[in-house]
PDB file of N, CA and C in Angstrom:
ATOM      1  N   UNK A   1      85.826  56.888 115.755  1.00  0.00           N
ATOM      2  CA  UNK A   1      85.171  58.167 116.131  1.00  0.00           C
ATOM      3  C   UNK A   1      85.280  58.685 114.887  1.00  0.00           C
ATOM      4  N   UNK A   2      84.644  59.768 114.784  1.00  0.00           N
ATOM      5  CA  UNK A   2      84.677  60.497 112.982  1.00  0.00           C
ATOM      6  C   UNK A   2      85.394  61.992 113.447  1.00  0.00           C
ATOM      7  N   UNK A   3      86.156  62.496 112.708  1.00  0.00           N
ATOM      8  CA  UNK A   3      86.644  63.902 112.880  1.00  0.00           C
ATOM      9  C   UNK A   3      86.384  64.292 111.533  1.00  0.00           C
ATOM     10  N   UNK A   4      86.613  66.192 111.284  1.00  0.00           N
ATOM     11  CA  UNK A   4      85.894  65.979 109.979  1.00  0.00           C
ATOM     12  C   UNK A   4      87.609  67.461 109.922  1.00  0.00           C
ATOM     13  N   UNK A   5      88.129  67.310 108.877  1.00  0.00           N
ATOM     14  CA  UNK A   5      89.052  68.141 108.626  1.00  0.00           C
ATOM     15  C   UNK A   5      88.887  69.096 107.282  1.00  0.00           C
ATOM     16  N   UNK A   6      89.835  70.261 107.816  1.00  0.00           N
ATOM     17  CA  UNK A   6      89.518  71.513 106.826  1.00  0.00           C
ATOM     18  C   UNK A   6      90.700  72.391 106.829  1.00  0.00           C
ATOM     19  N   UNK A   7      91.088  72.764 106.070  1.00  0.00           N
ATOM     20  CA  UNK A   7      92.492  73.359 105.561  1.00  0.00           C
ATOM     21  C   UNK A   7      91.805  75.455 105.370  1.00  0.00           C
ATOM     22  N   UNK A   8      92.390  76.477 106.164  1.00  0.00           N
ATOM     23  CA  UNK A   8      92.271  78.072 106.102  1.00  0.00           C
ATOM     24  C   UNK A   8      93.663  78.290 105.943  1.00  0.00           C
ATOM     25  N   UNK A   9      94.015  79.499 104.751  1.00  0.00           N
ATOM     26  CA  UNK A   9      94.707  80.511 104.749  1.00  0.00           C
ATOM     27  C   UNK A   9      94.165  81.361 104.624  1.00  0.00           C
ATOM     28  N   UNK A  10      95.260  82.696 104.990  1.00  0.00           N
ATOM     29  CA  UNK A  10      95.118  83.950 105.088  1.00  0.00           C
ATOM     30  C   UNK A  10      96.021  84.606 105.251  1.00  0.00           C
ATOM     31  N   UNK A  11      96.538  85.659 104.191  1.00  0.00           N
ATOM     32  CA  UNK A  11      97.605  86.596 104.461  1.00  0.00           C
ATOM     33  C   UNK A  11      98.800  84.874 103.975  1.00  0.00           C
ATOM     34  N   UNK A  12      99.366  84.951 105.147  1.00  0.00           N
ATOM     35  CA  UNK A  12     100.845  84.144 105.070  1.00  0.00           C
ATOM     36  C   UNK A  12     100.434  83.247 105.909  1.00  0.00           C
ATOM     37  N   UNK A  13      99.327  83.123 106.608  1.00  0.00           N
ATOM     38  CA  UNK A  13      98.711  81.851 107.804  1.00  0.00           C
ATOM     39  C   UNK A  13      98.378  81.017 107.190  1.00  0.00           C
ATOM     40  N   UNK A  14      98.663  79.068 107.694  1.00  0.00           N
ATOM     41  CA  UNK A  14      97.810  78.293 106.626  1.00  0.00           C
ATOM     42  C   UNK A  14      97.339  77.436 108.551  1.00  0.00           C
ATOM     43  N   UNK A  15      96.422  77.396 108.213  1.00  0.00           N
ATOM     44  CA  UNK A  15      96.081  76.495 109.820  1.00  0.00           C
ATOM     45  C   UNK A  15      95.075  75.008 108.987  1.00  0.00           C
ATOM     46  N   UNK A  16      95.317  74.203 110.296  1.00  0.00           N
ATOM     47  CA  UNK A  16      94.823  72.449 109.500  1.00  0.00           C
ATOM     48  C   UNK A  16      94.108  72.514 111.292  1.00  0.00           C
ATOM     49  N   UNK A  17      92.832  72.294 110.516  1.00  0.00           N
ATOM     50  CA  UNK A  17      91.750  72.633 111.756  1.00  0.00           C
ATOM     51  C   UNK A  17      91.012  70.821 111.309  1.00  0.00           C
ATOM     52  N   UNK A  18      90.564  70.186 112.774  1.00  0.00           N
ATOM     53  CA  UNK A  18      89.807  68.987 113.049  1.00  0.00           C
ATOM     54  C   UNK A  18      88.671  69.419 113.852  1.00  0.00           C
ATOM     55  N   UNK A  19      87.669  69.135 113.102  1.00  0.00           N
ATOM     56  CA  UNK A  19      86.276  69.076 114.076  1.00  0.00           C
ATOM     57  C   UNK A  19      86.421  67.525 114.919  1.00  0.00           C
ATOM     58  N   UNK A  20      86.061  67.524 116.194  1.00  0.00           N
ATOM     59  CA  UNK A  20      86.236  66.308 116.815  1.00  0.00           C
ATOM     60  C   UNK A  20      84.908  66.353 117.728  1.00  0.00           C
ATOM     61  N   UNK A  21      83.793  65.067 117.816  1.00  0.00           N
ATOM     62  CA  UNK A  21      82.559  65.091 119.112  1.00  0.00           C
ATOM     63  C   UNK A  21      83.135  65.834 120.024  1.00  0.00           C
ATOM     64  N   UNK A  22      82.274  66.465 120.556  1.00  0.00           N
ATOM     65  CA  UNK A  22      82.799  67.069 121.767  1.00  0.00           C
ATOM     66  C   UNK A  22      81.731  68.327 122.409  1.00  0.00           C
ATOM     67  N   UNK A  23      82.446  69.009 123.486  1.00  0.00           N
ATOM     68  CA  UNK A  23      81.333  70.098 124.384  1.00  0.00           C
ATOM     69  C   UNK A  23      81.815  71.382 123.825  1.00  0.00           C
ATOM     70  N   UNK A  24      82.648  71.514 122.546  1.00  0.00           N
ATOM     71  CA  UNK A  24      82.920  72.515 122.455  1.00  0.00           C
ATOM     72  C   UNK A  24      83.763  73.475 122.559  1.00  0.00           C
ATOM     73  N   UNK A  25      85.075  72.805 123.400  1.00  0.00           N
ATOM     74  CA  UNK A  25      86.086  73.092 123.361  1.00  0.00           C
ATOM     75  C   UNK A  25      86.795  73.697 121.967  1.00  0.00           C
ATOM     76  N   UNK A  26      88.180  74.638 122.093  1.00  0.00           N
ATOM     77  CA  UNK A  26      88.806  74.959 121.181  1.00  0.00           C
ATOM     78  C   UNK A  26      90.373  74.864 121.479  1.00  0.00           C
ATOM     79  N   UNK A  27      91.204  74.679 120.676  1.00  0.00           N
ATOM     80  CA  UNK A  27      92.553  74.239 121.026  1.00  0.00           C
ATOM     81  C   UNK A  27      93.814  74.916 119.669  1.00  0.00           C
ATOM     82  N   UNK A  28      94.180  75.650 120.152  1.00  0.00           N
ATOM     83  CA  UNK A  28      95.203  76.430 118.873  1.00  0.00           C
ATOM     84  C   UNK A  28      96.355  75.996 119.306  1.00  0.00           C
ATOM     85  N   UNK A  29      97.309  75.406 118.481  1.00  0.00           N
ATOM     86  CA  UNK A  29      98.799  74.810 118.706  1.00  0.00           C
ATOM     87  C   UNK A  29      99.083  73.909 120.001  1.00  0.00           C
ATOM     88  N   UNK A  30      97.967  73.899 120.686  1.00  0.00           N
ATOM     89  CA  UNK A  30      97.812  73.189 122.266  1.00  0.00           C
ATOM     90  C   UNK A  30      97.572  73.683 123.056  1.00  0.00           C
ATOM     91  N   UNK A  31      96.827  75.258 123.086  1.00  0.00           N
ATOM     92  CA  UNK A  31      96.564  76.501 123.960  1.00  0.00           C
ATOM     93  C   UNK A  31      95.230  77.093 123.716  1.00  0.00           C
ATOM     94  N   UNK A  32      94.561  77.170 124.854  1.00  0.00           N
ATOM     95  CA  UNK A  32      93.277  78.099 124.509  1.00  0.00           C
ATOM     96  C   UNK A  32      93.681  78.921 123.530  1.00  0.00           C
ATOM     97  N   UNK A  33      92.324  79.278 123.189  1.00  0.00           N
ATOM     98  CA  UNK A  33      92.688  80.467 122.089  1.00  0.00           C
ATOM     99  C   UNK A  33      92.921  82.075 123.427  1.00  0.00           C
ATOM    100  N   UNK A  34      92.446  81.692 123.895  1.00  0.00           N
ATOM    101  CA  UNK A  34      92.440  82.735 125.471  1.00  0.00           C
ATOM    102  C   UNK A  34      93.821  83.268 125.838  1.00  0.00           C
ATOM    103  N   UNK A  35      94.722  81.764 125.778  1.00  0.00           N
ATOM    104  CA  UNK A  35      96.220  82.488 125.739  1.00  0.00           C
ATOM    105  C   UNK A  35      97.184  82.255 124.308  1.00  0.00           C
ATOM    106  N   UNK A  36      96.233  81.870 123.502  1.00  0.00           N
ATOM    107  CA  UNK A  36      97.256  82.014 122.306  1.00  0.00           C
ATOM    108  C   UNK A  36      97.247  83.055 121.374  1.00  0.00           C
ATOM    109  N   UNK A  37      95.900  84.107 121.396  1.00  0.00           N
ATOM    110  CA  UNK A  37      95.307  84.694 120.972  1.00  0.00           C
ATOM    111  C   UNK A  37      95.275  86.113 121.918  1.00  0.00           C
ATOM    112  N   UNK A  38      96.084  87.390 121.601  1.00  0.00           N
ATOM    113  CA  UNK A  38      96.464  88.843 122.941  1.00  0.00           C
ATOM    114  C   UNK A  38      94.471  89.221 122.931  1.00  0.00           C
ATOM    115  N   UNK A  39      93.700  89.185 121.805  1.00  0.00           N
ATOM    116  CA  UNK A  39      92.333  90.060 121.733  1.00  0.00           C
ATOM    117  C   UNK A  39      91.253  89.025 121.931  1.00  0.00           C
ATOM    118  N   UNK A  40      90.393  89.830 122.624  1.00  0.00           N
ATOM    119  CA  UNK A  40      88.968  88.695 122.724  1.00  0.00           C
ATOM    120  C   UNK A  40      88.521  88.676 121.274  1.00  0.00           C
ATOM    121  N   UNK A  41      88.816  89.973 120.585  1.00  0.00           N
ATOM    122  CA  UNK A  41      87.984  90.172 119.177  1.00  0.00           C
ATOM    123  C   UNK A  41      88.448  88.164 118.218  1.00  0.00           C
ATOM    124  N   UNK A  42      89.885  88.830 118.294  1.00  0.00           N
ATOM    125  CA  UNK A  42      90.391  87.433 117.347  1.00  0.00           C
ATOM    126  C   UNK A  42      89.896  86.053 117.689  1.00  0.00           C
ATOM    127  N   UNK A  43      89.701  85.718 119.099  1.00  0.00           N
ATOM    128  CA  UNK A  43      88.962  84.585 120.019  1.00  0.00           C
ATOM    129  C   UNK A  43      87.505  84.313 119.224  1.00  0.00           C
ATOM    130  N   UNK A  44      86.998  85.467 118.826  1.00  0.00           N
ATOM    131  CA  UNK A  44      85.737  85.547 118.282  1.00  0.00           C
ATOM    132  C   UNK A  44      85.749  85.171 117.414  1.00  0.00           C
ATOM    133  N   UNK A  45      86.739  85.837 116.083  1.00  0.00           N
ATOM    134  CA  UNK A  45      86.659  85.836 115.081  1.00  0.00           C
ATOM    135  C   UNK A  45      86.938  84.025 114.889  1.00  0.00           C
ATOM    136  N   UNK A  46      87.708  83.244 115.458  1.00  0.00           N
ATOM    137  CA  UNK A  46      87.633  81.949 115.761  1.00  0.00           C
ATOM    138  C   UNK A  46      86.415  80.814 115.919  1.00  0.00           C
ATOM    139  N   UNK A  47      85.725  81.546 116.952  1.00  0.00           N
ATOM    140  CA  UNK A  47      84.783  80.857 116.853  1.00  0.00           C
ATOM    141  C   UNK A  47      83.399  81.268 115.945  1.00  0.00           C
ATOM    142  N   UNK A  48      83.349  82.266 115.552  1.00  0.00           N
ATOM    143  CA  UNK A  48      82.231  82.647 114.410  1.00  0.00           C
ATOM    144  C   UNK A  48      81.158  81.494 113.673  1.00  0.00           C
ATOM    145  N   UNK A  49      82.182  80.786 112.599  1.00  0.00           N
ATOM    146  CA  UNK A  49      81.141  80.074 112.146  1.00  0.00           C
ATOM    147  C   UNK A  49      80.953  79.043 112.940  1.00  0.00           C
ATOM    148  N   UNK A  50      81.376  78.381 114.169  1.00  0.00           N
ATOM    149  CA  UNK A  50      80.424  77.794 115.173  1.00  0.00           C
ATOM    150  C   UNK A  50      79.394  78.261 115.570  1.00  0.00           C
ATOM    151  N   UNK A  51      79.514  79.229 115.888  1.00  0.00           N
ATOM    152  CA  UNK A  51      78.303  80.208 116.739  1.00  0.00           C
ATOM    153  C   UNK A  51      77.317  80.553 115.446  1.00  0.00           C
ATOM    154  N   UNK A  52      77.539  80.933 114.157  1.00  0.00           N
ATOM    155  CA  UNK A  52      76.756  81.163 113.043  1.00  0.00           C
ATOM    156  C   UNK A  52      75.640  79.625 112.727  1.00  0.00           C
ATOM    157  N   UNK A  53      76.361  78.721 112.867  1.00  0.00           N
ATOM    158  CA  UNK A  53      76.103  77.339 112.439  1.00  0.00           C
ATOM    159  C   UNK A  53      74.986  76.694 114.093  1.00  0.00           C
ATOM    160  N   UNK A  54      75.372  77.118 115.109  1.00  0.00           N
ATOM    161  CA  UNK A  54      74.831  76.586 116.019  1.00  0.00           C
ATOM    162  C   UNK A  54      75.155  75.222 116.692  1.00  0.00           C
ATOM    163  N   UNK A  55      77.152  74.990 116.330  1.00  0.00           N
ATOM    164  CA  UNK A  55      77.311  73.980 116.661  1.00  0.00           C
ATOM    165  C   UNK A  55      78.313  73.955 117.363  1.00  0.00           C
ATOM    166  N   UNK A  56      78.373  75.116 118.205  1.00  0.00           N
ATOM    167  CA  UNK A  56      79.230  75.346 119.525  1.00  0.00           C
ATOM    168  C   UNK A  56      79.467  73.919 120.412  1.00  0.00           C
ATOM    169  N   UNK A  57      78.190  73.218 120.839  1.00  0.00           N
ATOM    170  CA  UNK A  57      78.154  72.632 121.705  1.00  0.00           C
ATOM    171  C   UNK A  57      78.234  70.808 121.230  1.00  0.00           C
ATOM    172  N   UNK A  58      78.584  71.069 119.798  1.00  0.00           N
ATOM    173  CA  UNK A  58      79.025  69.449 119.159  1.00  0.00           C
ATOM    174  C   UNK A  58      80.277  68.943 118.810  1.00  0.00           C
ATOM    175  N   UNK A  59      81.009  70.305 118.383  1.00  0.00           N
ATOM    176  CA  UNK A  59      82.536  69.797 118.397  1.00  0.00           C
ATOM    177  C   UNK A  59      83.106  70.622 119.162  1.00  0.00           C
ATOM    178  N   UNK A  60      84.746  69.663 119.324  1.00  0.00           N
ATOM    179  CA  UNK A  60      85.560  70.502 119.854  1.00  0.00           C
ATOM    180  C   UNK A  60      86.601  70.919 118.636  1.00  0.00           C
ATOM    181  N   UNK A  61      87.556  72.067 118.465  1.00  0.00           N
ATOM    182  CA  UNK A  61      88.404  72.577 117.158  1.00  0.00           C
ATOM    183  C   UNK A  61      89.594  72.597 117.837  1.00  0.00           C
ATOM    184  N   UNK A  62      90.584  71.517 116.828  1.00  0.00           N
ATOM    185  CA  UNK A  62      91.846  71.286 117.316  1.00  0.00           C
ATOM    186  C   UNK A  62      92.327  72.266 116.331  1.00  0.00           C
ATOM    187  N   UNK A  63      92.971  73.162 116.397  1.00  0.00           N
ATOM    188  CA  UNK A  63      93.389  73.721 115.245  1.00  0.00           C
ATOM    189  C   UNK A  63      95.124  73.897 115.346  1.00  0.00           C
ATOM    190  N   UNK A  64      95.620  73.573 114.050  1.00  0.00           N
ATOM    191  CA  UNK A  64      97.588  73.447 114.443  1.00  0.00           C
ATOM    192  C   UNK A  64      97.266  74.781 113.201  1.00  0.00           C
ATOM    193  N   UNK A  65      98.221  76.008 113.592  1.00  0.00           N
ATOM    194  CA  UNK A  65      98.664  77.006 112.540  1.00  0.00           C
ATOM    195  C   UNK A  65      99.762  77.594 112.495  1.00  0.00           C
ATOM    196  N   UNK A  66     100.313  78.096 111.378  1.00  0.00           N
ATOM    197  CA  UNK A  66     101.735  78.436 111.183  1.00  0.00           C
ATOM    198  C   UNK A  66     101.852  79.452 110.390  1.00  0.00           C
ATOM    199  N   UNK A  67     103.115  80.185 110.444  1.00  0.00           N
ATOM    200  CA  UNK A  67     103.184  81.615 109.403  1.00  0.00           C
ATOM    201  C   UNK A  67     102.110  83.023 109.831  1.00  0.00           C
ATOM    202  N   UNK A  68     102.758  83.624 108.946  1.00  0.00           N
ATOM    203  CA  UNK A  68     101.803  85.195 109.383  1.00  0.00           C
ATOM    204  C   UNK A  68     102.173  85.679 110.847  1.00  0.00           C
ATOM    205  N   UNK A  69     101.212  86.761 111.227  1.00  0.00           N
ATOM    206  CA  UNK A  69     100.901  86.861 112.658  1.00  0.00           C
ATOM    207  C   UNK A  69      99.132  86.767 113.003  1.00  0.00           C
ATOM    208  N   UNK A  70      98.895  87.073 114.339  1.00  0.00           N
ATOM    209  CA  UNK A  70      98.164  85.942 114.948  1.00  0.00           C
ATOM    210  C   UNK A  70      96.335  86.563 114.359  1.00  0.00           C
ATOM    211  N   UNK A  71      96.697  88.006 113.564  1.00  0.00           N
ATOM    212  CA  UNK A  71      95.650  88.249 112.795  1.00  0.00           C
ATOM    213  C   UNK A  71      95.314  87.112 111.869  1.00  0.00           C
ATOM    214  N   UNK A  72      96.013  87.037 110.905  1.00  0.00           N
ATOM    215  CA  UNK A  72      96.000  86.020 109.744  1.00  0.00           C
ATOM    216  C   UNK A  72      96.093  84.957 110.095  1.00  0.00           C
ATOM    217  N   UNK A  73      96.553  84.087 111.628  1.00  0.00           N
ATOM    218  CA  UNK A  73      95.945  83.420 112.152  1.00  0.00           C
ATOM    219  C   UNK A  73      94.800  82.990 111.922  1.00  0.00           C
ATOM    220  N   UNK A  74      93.868  83.981 112.853  1.00  0.00           N
ATOM    221  CA  UNK A  74      92.906  83.681 113.608  1.00  0.00           C
ATOM    222  C   UNK A  74      91.407  83.564 112.003  1.00  0.00           C
ATOM    223  N   UNK A  75      91.932  84.833 111.019  1.00  0.00           N
ATOM    224  CA  UNK A  75      91.567  84.429 109.580  1.00  0.00           C
ATOM    225  C   UNK A  75      91.260  82.700 109.113  1.00  0.00           C
ATOM    226  N   UNK A  76      92.910  82.215 109.419  1.00  0.00           N
ATOM    227  CA  UNK A  76      93.030  81.028 108.514  1.00  0.00           C
ATOM    228  C   UNK A  76      92.337  79.696 109.341  1.00  0.00           C
ATOM    229  N   UNK A  77      91.673  80.211 110.534  1.00  0.00           N
ATOM    230  CA  UNK A  77      91.155  78.971 111.438  1.00  0.00           C
ATOM    231  C   UNK A  77      89.701  79.070 111.422  1.00  0.00           C
ATOM    232  N   UNK A  78      89.328  80.330 111.037  1.00  0.00           N
ATOM    233  CA  UNK A  78      87.728  80.530 111.005  1.00  0.00           C
ATOM    234  C   UNK A  78      87.741  80.006 109.563  1.00  0.00           C
ATOM    235  N   UNK A  79      88.984  80.047 108.457  1.00  0.00           N
ATOM    236  CA  UNK A  79      87.961  79.718 107.085  1.00  0.00           C
ATOM    237  C   UNK A  79      88.075  77.634 107.346  1.00  0.00           C
ATOM    238  N   UNK A  80      89.386  77.485 107.604  1.00  0.00           N
ATOM    239  CA  UNK A  80      89.389  75.898 108.076  1.00  0.00           C
ATOM    240  C   UNK A  80      88.043  75.459 109.030  1.00  0.00           C
ATOM    241  N   UNK A  81      87.909  76.374 109.793  1.00  0.00           N
ATOM    242  CA  UNK A  81      86.868  75.450 110.612  1.00  0.00           C
ATOM    243  C   UNK A  81      85.702  75.574 109.490  1.00  0.00           C
ATOM    244  N   UNK A  82      84.991  76.763 109.440  1.00  0.00           N
ATOM    245  CA  UNK A  82      84.203  76.944 108.224  1.00  0.00           C
ATOM    246  C   UNK A  82      83.930  75.099 107.108  1.00  0.00           C
ATOM    247  N   UNK A  83      85.413  75.191 106.883  1.00  0.00           N
ATOM    248  CA  UNK A  83      85.715  73.731 105.765  1.00  0.00           C
ATOM    249  C   UNK A  83      85.210  72.569 106.186  1.00  0.00           C
ATOM    250  N   UNK A  84      86.219  72.567 107.350  1.00  0.00           N
ATOM    251  CA  UNK A  84      85.557  71.775 108.177  1.00  0.00           C
ATOM    252  C   UNK A  84      84.230  71.095 108.604  1.00  0.00           C
ATOM    253  N   UNK A  85      82.994  72.068 109.129  1.00  0.00           N
ATOM    254  CA  UNK A  85      81.551  72.218 109.211  1.00  0.00           C
ATOM    255  C   UNK A  85      80.635  71.472 107.965  1.00  0.00           C
ATOM    256  N   UNK A  86      81.287  72.091 106.781  1.00  0.00           N
ATOM    257  CA  UNK A  86      80.739  72.076 105.634  1.00  0.00           C
ATOM    258  C   UNK A  86      80.967  70.508 104.960  1.00  0.00           C
ATOM    259  N   UNK A  87      82.273  69.754 105.771  1.00  0.00           N
ATOM    260  CA  UNK A  87      82.476  68.388 105.338  1.00  0.00           C
ATOM    261  C   UNK A  87      81.354  67.805 106.140  1.00  0.00           C
ATOM    262  N   UNK A  88      81.021  68.591 107.270  1.00  0.00           N
ATOM    263  CA  UNK A  88      80.384  67.453 108.787  1.00  0.00           C
ATOM    264  C   UNK A  88      79.530  67.667 107.865  1.00  0.00           C
ATOM    265  N   UNK A  89      78.612  68.350 107.895  1.00  0.00           N
ATOM    266  CA  UNK A  89      76.683  68.482 107.071  1.00  0.00           C
ATOM    267  C   UNK A  89      77.052  69.596 106.012  1.00  0.00           C
ATOM    268  N   UNK A  90      76.492  69.364 104.420  1.00  0.00           N
ATOM    269  CA  UNK A  90      76.104  69.709 103.849  1.00  0.00           C
ATOM    270  C   UNK A  90      75.342  70.548 104.100  1.00  0.00           C
ATOM    271  N   UNK A  91      74.192  70.775 105.125  1.00  0.00           N
ATOM    272  CA  UNK A  91      72.906  71.844 104.573  1.00  0.00           C
ATOM    273  C   UNK A  91      73.661  72.372 105.530  1.00  0.00           C
ATOM    274  N   UNK A  92      74.628  73.090 106.044  1.00  0.00           N
ATOM    275  CA  UNK A  92      75.265  74.027 106.692  1.00  0.00           C
ATOM    276  C   UNK A  92      75.897  75.355 105.854  1.00  0.00           C
ATOM    277  N   UNK A  93      75.796  74.341 104.798  1.00  0.00           N
ATOM    278  CA  UNK A  93      76.540  75.449 103.668  1.00  0.00           C
ATOM    279  C   UNK A  93      76.342  76.704 102.919  1.00  0.00           C
ATOM    280  N   UNK A  94      74.856  76.862 103.268  1.00  0.00           N
ATOM    281  CA  UNK A  94      73.983  77.984 102.787  1.00  0.00           C
ATOM    282  C   UNK A  94      74.327  79.095 104.073  1.00  0.00           C
ATOM    283  N   UNK A  95      74.282  78.437 105.159  1.00  0.00           N
ATOM    284  CA  UNK A  95      74.438  79.567 106.241  1.00  0.00           C
ATOM    285  C   UNK A  95      75.660  79.650 106.439  1.00  0.00           C
ATOM    286  N   UNK A  96      76.920  78.708 106.056  1.00  0.00           N
ATOM    287  CA  UNK A  96      78.320  79.427 106.134  1.00  0.00           C
ATOM    288  C   UNK A  96      78.288  80.468 104.717  1.00  0.00           C
ATOM    289  N   UNK A  97      77.905  80.115 103.859  1.00  0.00           N
ATOM    290  CA  UNK A  97      77.818  80.923 102.337  1.00  0.00           C
ATOM    291  C   UNK A  97      77.827  82.110 102.656  1.00  0.00           C
ATOM    292  N   UNK A  98      76.236  82.560 103.183  1.00  0.00           N
ATOM    293  CA  UNK A  98      76.215  83.620 103.254  1.00  0.00           C
ATOM    294  C   UNK A  98      76.328  84.596 104.362  1.00  0.00           C
ATOM    295  N   UNK A  99      77.066  83.967 105.704  1.00  0.00           N
ATOM    296  CA  UNK A  99      77.824  84.320 106.329  1.00  0.00           C
ATOM    297  C   UNK A  99      79.288  84.958 105.904  1.00  0.00           C
ATOM    298  N   UNK A 100      79.328  84.813 104.577  1.00  0.00           N
ATOM    299  CA  UNK A 100      81.156  84.824 104.062  1.00  0.00           C
ATOM    300  C   UNK A 100      81.824  84.095 104.412  1.00  0.00           C
ATOM    301  N   UNK A 101      81.774  82.622 105.147  1.00  0.00           N
ATOM    302  CA  UNK A 101      83.074  81.746 105.999  1.00  0.00           C
ATOM    303  C   UNK A 101      83.487  81.143 105.175  1.00  0.00           C
ATOM    304  N   UNK A 102      82.828  80.697 103.922  1.00  0.00           N
ATOM    305  CA  UNK A 102      83.857  80.366 103.080  1.00  0.00           C
ATOM    306  C   UNK A 102      84.189  80.599 101.912  1.00  0.00           C
ATOM    307  N   UNK A 103      84.672  82.593 102.098  1.00  0.00           N
ATOM    308  CA  UNK A 103      85.526  82.735 100.967  1.00  0.00           C
ATOM    309  C   UNK A 103      86.358  83.140 101.624  1.00  0.00           C
ATOM    310  N   UNK A 104      87.541  82.514 100.747  1.00  0.00           N
ATOM    311  CA  UNK A 104      88.694  82.896 101.209  1.00  0.00           C
ATOM    312  C   UNK A 104      89.543  84.112 100.900  1.00  0.00           C
ATOM    313  N   UNK A 105      89.675  84.694 102.156  1.00  0.00           N
ATOM    314  CA  UNK A 105      90.129  86.600 101.917  1.00  0.00           C
ATOM    315  C   UNK A 105      91.753  86.545 101.592  1.00  0.00           C
ATOM    316  N   UNK A 106      91.537  86.772 100.016  1.00  0.00           N
ATOM    317  CA  UNK A 106      92.740  86.770  98.881  1.00  0.00           C
ATOM    318  C   UNK A 106      94.049  88.098  99.181  1.00  0.00           C
ATOM    319  N   UNK A 107      93.905  88.890 100.118  1.00  0.00           N
ATOM    320  CA  UNK A 107      94.375  90.033 100.533  1.00  0.00           C
ATOM    321  C   UNK A 107      96.071  89.714 100.717  1.00  0.00           C
ATOM    322  N   UNK A 108      96.874  89.981 100.378  1.00  0.00           N
ATOM    323  CA  UNK A 108      98.172  89.614 100.597  1.00  0.00           C
ATOM    324  C   UNK A 108      98.902  91.006 100.658  1.00  0.00           C
ATOM    325  N   UNK A 109      99.969  90.965 101.003  1.00  0.00           N
ATOM    326  CA  UNK A 109     100.917  91.931 101.198  1.00  0.00           C
ATOM    327  C   UNK A 109     101.819  91.797  99.720  1.00  0.00           C
ATOM    328  N   UNK A 110     101.698  93.301  99.167  1.00  0.00           N
ATOM    329  CA  UNK A 110     102.078  92.969  97.843  1.00  0.00           C
ATOM    330  C   UNK A 110     103.879  93.192  97.783  1.00  0.00           C
ATOM    331  N   UNK A 111     104.259  92.293  96.880  1.00  0.00           N
ATOM    332  CA  UNK A 111     105.853  92.426  96.703  1.00  0.00           C
ATOM    333  C   UNK A 111     106.347  94.027  96.434  1.00  0.00           C
ATOM    334  N   UNK A 112     107.591  94.347  96.661  1.00  0.00           N
ATOM    335  CA  UNK A 112     108.264  95.190  96.490  1.00  0.00           C
ATOM    336  C   UNK A 112     109.226  94.861  95.035  1.00  0.00           C
ATOM    337  N   UNK A 113     109.121  96.245  94.414  1.00  0.00           N
ATOM    338  CA  UNK A 113     109.231  96.464  93.173  1.00  0.00           C
ATOM    339  C   UNK A 113     111.025  96.373  93.248  1.00  0.00           C
ATOM    340  N   UNK A 114     111.412  96.214  91.918  1.00  0.00           N
ATOM    341  CA  UNK A 114     112.518  96.958  91.733  1.00  0.00           C
ATOM    342  C   UNK A 114     112.841  98.690  91.171  1.00  0.00           C
ATOM    343  N   UNK A 115     113.969  99.106  91.453  1.00  0.00           N
ATOM    344  CA  UNK A 115     113.612 100.249  91.412  1.00  0.00           C
ATOM    345  C   UNK A 115     112.637 100.845  91.874  1.00  0.00           C
ATOM    346  N   UNK A 116     112.286 100.983  93.046  1.00  0.00           N
ATOM    347  CA  UNK A 116     111.779 101.575  93.590  1.00  0.00           C
ATOM    348  C   UNK A 116     112.037 101.460  95.449  1.00  0.00           C
ATOM    349  N   UNK A 117     111.616 101.612  95.846  1.00  0.00           N
ATOM    350  CA  UNK A 117     111.644 102.001  98.172  1.00  0.00           C
ATOM    351  C   UNK A 117     110.532 100.735  97.978  1.00  0.00           C
ATOM    352  N   UNK A 118     109.713 100.647  97.822  1.00  0.00           N
ATOM    353  CA  UNK A 118     108.357  99.537  98.324  1.00  0.00           C
ATOM    354  C   UNK A 118     107.509  99.153  97.376  1.00  0.00           C
ATOM    355  N   UNK A 119     106.593  98.607  97.659  1.00  0.00           N
ATOM    356  CA  UNK A 119     105.614  98.265  96.932  1.00  0.00           C
ATOM    357  C   UNK A 119     105.068  99.133  95.661  1.00  0.00           C
ATOM    358  N   UNK A 120     105.027 100.670  96.244  1.00  0.00           N
ATOM    359  CA  UNK A 120     104.945 101.465  95.323  1.00  0.00           C
ATOM    360  C   UNK A 120     105.383 103.046  95.989  1.00  0.00           C
ATOM    361  N   UNK A 121     106.144 102.765  97.361  1.00  0.00           N
ATOM    362  CA  UNK A 121     106.345 103.947  97.356  1.00  0.00           C
ATOM    363  C   UNK A 121     107.919 104.136  96.486  1.00  0.00           C
ATOM    364  N   UNK A 122     108.111 105.026  95.965  1.00  0.00           N
ATOM    365  CA  UNK A 122     109.411 105.311  95.035  1.00  0.00           C
ATOM    366  C   UNK A 122     110.414 106.191  96.206  1.00  0.00           C
ATOM    367  N   UNK A 123     112.110 105.737  95.265  1.00  0.00           N
ATOM    368  CA  UNK A 123     112.728 106.134  96.161  1.00  0.00           C
ATOM    369  C   UNK A 123     112.875 107.847  96.054  1.00  0.00           C
ATOM    370  N   UNK A 124     113.324 108.765  96.910  1.00  0.00           N
ATOM    371  CA  UNK A 124     113.168 110.069  96.318  1.00  0.00           C
ATOM    372  C   UNK A 124     113.741 110.888  95.141  1.00  0.00           C
ATOM    373  N   UNK A 125     112.690 111.658  94.527  1.00  0.00           N
ATOM    374  CA  UNK A 125     113.114 112.538  93.089  1.00  0.00           C
ATOM    375  C   UNK A 125     114.231 113.989  93.709  1.00  0.00           C
ATOM    376  N   UNK A 126     114.835 113.623  93.033  1.00  0.00           N
ATOM    377  CA  UNK A 126     115.546 115.372  92.830  1.00  0.00           C
ATOM    378  C   UNK A 126     115.806 115.929  91.565  1.00  0.00           C
ATOM    379  N   UNK A 127     115.111 116.942  91.137  1.00  0.00           N
ATOM    380  CA  UNK A 127     115.110 117.479  90.108  1.00  0.00           C
ATOM    381  C   UNK A 127     116.661 117.700  89.728  1.00  0.00           C
ATOM    382  N   UNK A 128     117.580 118.522  90.459  1.00  0.00           N
ATOM    383  CA  UNK A 128     119.230 118.846  90.414  1.00  0.00           C
ATOM    384  C   UNK A 128     119.657 118.377  91.669  1.00  0.00           C
TER     385      UNK A 128
END
């Protein structure tokens, strides 16, 4: 039995994704996506690379994800799935690239700066 692996990251989340031959089942930390994610949109995000390449019924997806919130975790699973699909078949690369599934979303939380209240917000200024 052959399996394919991909790592996905988004915000503070890291997903380890394995594609196994199967009928299209998805497992996120041992739960079905309907139970793990509170939103239908996030469930859809995890399936997007499979739907775009037409491989929904070819693979079972097993994802272990940690860190961040559920939105970041869904994005991390999406990237990990796309990378694993690319590993399974190089011909899918063009479709995945055009759909934007292989691009790492680099937006992160900006760090708080010293002498300021937050990343950009300053402490209140009093002239007198």
